C-alpha atoms as a PDB file:
ATOM      1  CA  MET A   1      45.734-158.355  71.594  1.00  0.00           C
ATOM      2  CA  VAL A   2      48.934-156.507  71.617  1.00  0.00           C
ATOM      3  CA  TRP A   3      49.004-156.133  67.688  1.00  0.00           C
ATOM      4  CA  MET A   4      45.481-155.165  67.562  1.00  0.00           C
ATOM      5  CA  VAL A   5      46.600-152.071  69.630  1.00  0.00           C
ATOM      6  CA  ILE A   6      49.115-151.593  67.240  1.00  0.00           C
ATOM      7  CA  ALA A   7      48.070-151.905  64.221  1.00  0.00           C
ATOM      8  CA  GLY A   8      45.377-149.045  64.459  1.00  0.00           C
ATOM      9  CA  PRO A   9      48.098-146.318  65.255  1.00  0.00           C
ATOM     10  CA  ALA A  10      50.198-147.941  62.144  1.00  0.00           C
ATOM     11  CA  ILE A  11      47.453-148.441  59.728  1.00  0.00           C
ATOM     12  CA  VAL A  12      46.999-144.196  60.282  1.00  0.00           C
ATOM     13  CA  VAL A  13      50.636-143.787  59.624  1.00  0.00           C
ATOM     14  CA  VAL A  14      50.139-145.977  56.338  1.00  0.00           C
ATOM     15  CA  ALA A  15      47.346-143.755  55.384  1.00  0.00           C
ATOM     16  CA  ALA A  16      49.223-140.723  55.832  1.00  0.00           C
ATOM     17  CA  PHE A  17      51.876-141.495  53.754  1.00  0.00           C
ATOM     18  CA  ALA A  18      50.150-142.311  50.912  1.00  0.00           C
ATOM     19  CA  THR A  19      47.937-138.953  51.305  1.00  0.00           C
ATOM     20  CA  LEU A  20      51.423-137.434  51.405  1.00  0.00           C
ATOM     21  CA  TYR A  21      52.146-139.203  48.201  1.00  0.00           C
ATOM     22  CA  LEU A  22      49.062-138.590  46.354  1.00  0.00           C
ATOM     23  CA  ALA A  23      49.648-134.977  47.707  1.00  0.00           C
ATOM     24  CA  ILE A  24      52.633-134.834  46.297  1.00  0.00           C
ATOM     25  CA  THR A  25      52.461-136.265  42.901  1.00  0.00           C
ATOM     26  CA  ILE A  26      49.165-135.438  41.754  1.00  0.00           C
ATOM     27  CA  PRO A  27      48.854-131.371  42.237  1.00  0.00           C
ATOM     28  CA  ASP A  28      45.737-129.267  41.969  1.00  0.00           C
ATOM     29  CA  PRO A  29      45.109-127.513  39.215  1.00  0.00           C
ATOM     30  CA  VAL A  30      45.171-123.897  39.001  1.00  0.00           C
ATOM     31  CA  LEU A  31      41.589-122.536  38.459  1.00  0.00           C
ATOM     32  CA  PRO A  32      41.453-119.471  35.599  1.00  0.00           C
ATOM     33  CA  THR A  33      40.741-116.288  37.086  1.00  0.00           C
ATOM     34  CA  GLU A  34      39.481-114.917  34.400  1.00  0.00           C
ATOM     35  CA  THR A  35      35.620-116.612  35.093  1.00  0.00           C
ATOM     36  CA  LEU A  36      36.254-115.994  38.563  1.00  0.00           C
ATOM     37  CA  TYR A  37      36.424-112.721  38.740  1.00  0.00           C
ATOM     38  CA  PRO A  38      34.681-110.353  35.932  1.00  0.00           C
ATOM     39  CA  ARG A  39      36.902-107.401  34.602  1.00  0.00           C
ATOM     40  CA  ASN A  40      33.900-105.075  34.955  1.00  0.00           C
ATOM     41  CA  ALA A  41      33.116-103.731  38.321  1.00  0.00           C
ATOM     42  CA  LEU A  42      29.173-103.517  37.381  1.00  0.00           C
ATOM     43  CA  GLU A  43      29.361-107.119  36.756  1.00  0.00           C
ATOM     44  CA  LYS A  44      31.274-107.912  39.911  1.00  0.00           C
ATOM     45  CA  LYS A  45      28.677-106.336  41.563  1.00  0.00           C
ATOM     46  CA  ALA A  46      25.959-107.738  40.261  1.00  0.00           C
ATOM     47  CA  LYS A  47      27.036-111.369  40.309  1.00  0.00           C
ATOM     48  CA  LEU A  48      27.938-111.099  44.140  1.00  0.00           C
ATOM     49  CA  GLU A  49      24.247-109.317  45.060  1.00  0.00           C
ATOM     50  CA  ALA A  50      23.378-113.041  42.895  1.00  0.00           C
ATOM     51  CA  ALA A  51      24.719-115.031  45.166  1.00  0.00           C
ATOM     52  CA  MET A  52      24.505-113.387  48.655  1.00  0.00           C
ATOM     53  CA  ALA A  53      20.349-112.890  48.111  1.00  0.00           C
ATOM     54  CA  PRO A  54      19.806-116.228  49.557  1.00  0.00           C
ATOM     55  CA  ALA A  55      22.151-115.589  52.197  1.00  0.00           C
ATOM     56  CA  MET A  56      20.467-111.947  53.106  1.00  0.00           C
ATOM     57  CA  GLN A  57      17.077-113.491  52.758  1.00  0.00           C
ATOM     58  CA  ALA A  58      17.833-116.158  55.783  1.00  0.00           C
ATOM     59  CA  ARG A  59      19.979-113.297  57.773  1.00  0.00           C
ATOM     60  CA  ASN A  60      16.863-111.108  57.892  1.00  0.00           C
ATOM     61  CA  HIS A  61      14.350-113.977  58.595  1.00  0.00           C
ATOM     62  CA  ALA A  62      16.602-115.070  61.828  1.00  0.00           C
ATOM     63  CA  SER A  63      17.112-111.845  63.581  1.00  0.00           C
ATOM     64  CA  THR A  64      13.673-110.576  62.247  1.00  0.00           C
ATOM     65  CA  GLY A  65      11.340-113.504  62.768  1.00  0.00           C
ATOM     66  CA  VAL A  66       9.231-112.282  59.801  1.00  0.00           C
ATOM     67  CA  VAL A  67       8.853-114.505  57.153  1.00  0.00           C
ATOM     68  CA  PRO A  68       9.498-112.455  53.576  1.00  0.00           C
ATOM     69  CA  GLU A  69       6.799-112.359  51.458  1.00  0.00           C
ATOM     70  CA  PRO A  70       7.608-113.970  47.517  1.00  0.00           C
ATOM     71  CA  LYS A  71       8.687-111.662  45.028  1.00  0.00           C
ATOM     72  CA  ASN A  72       5.994-111.750  41.427  1.00  0.00           C
ATOM     73  CA  LYS A  73       7.595-113.279  38.407  1.00  0.00           C
ATOM     74  CA  TYR A  74       5.803-110.889  36.221  1.00  0.00           C
END
């Protein structure tokens, strides 16, 4: 029964060292910033507005309780 109590924390310690080894030997690659941050301010604003549209719609629905009307695609 004592070994069952000791085995749990021991396995966690071994897993922590395995994770540390993997984190040190295989670092994450650096992402290029050209694709993440467009140079043109208008492009940046358009991308931000497009990305935030669903969040803004959900926020407005949550605060007012009114379901927005779908926009026409035409």
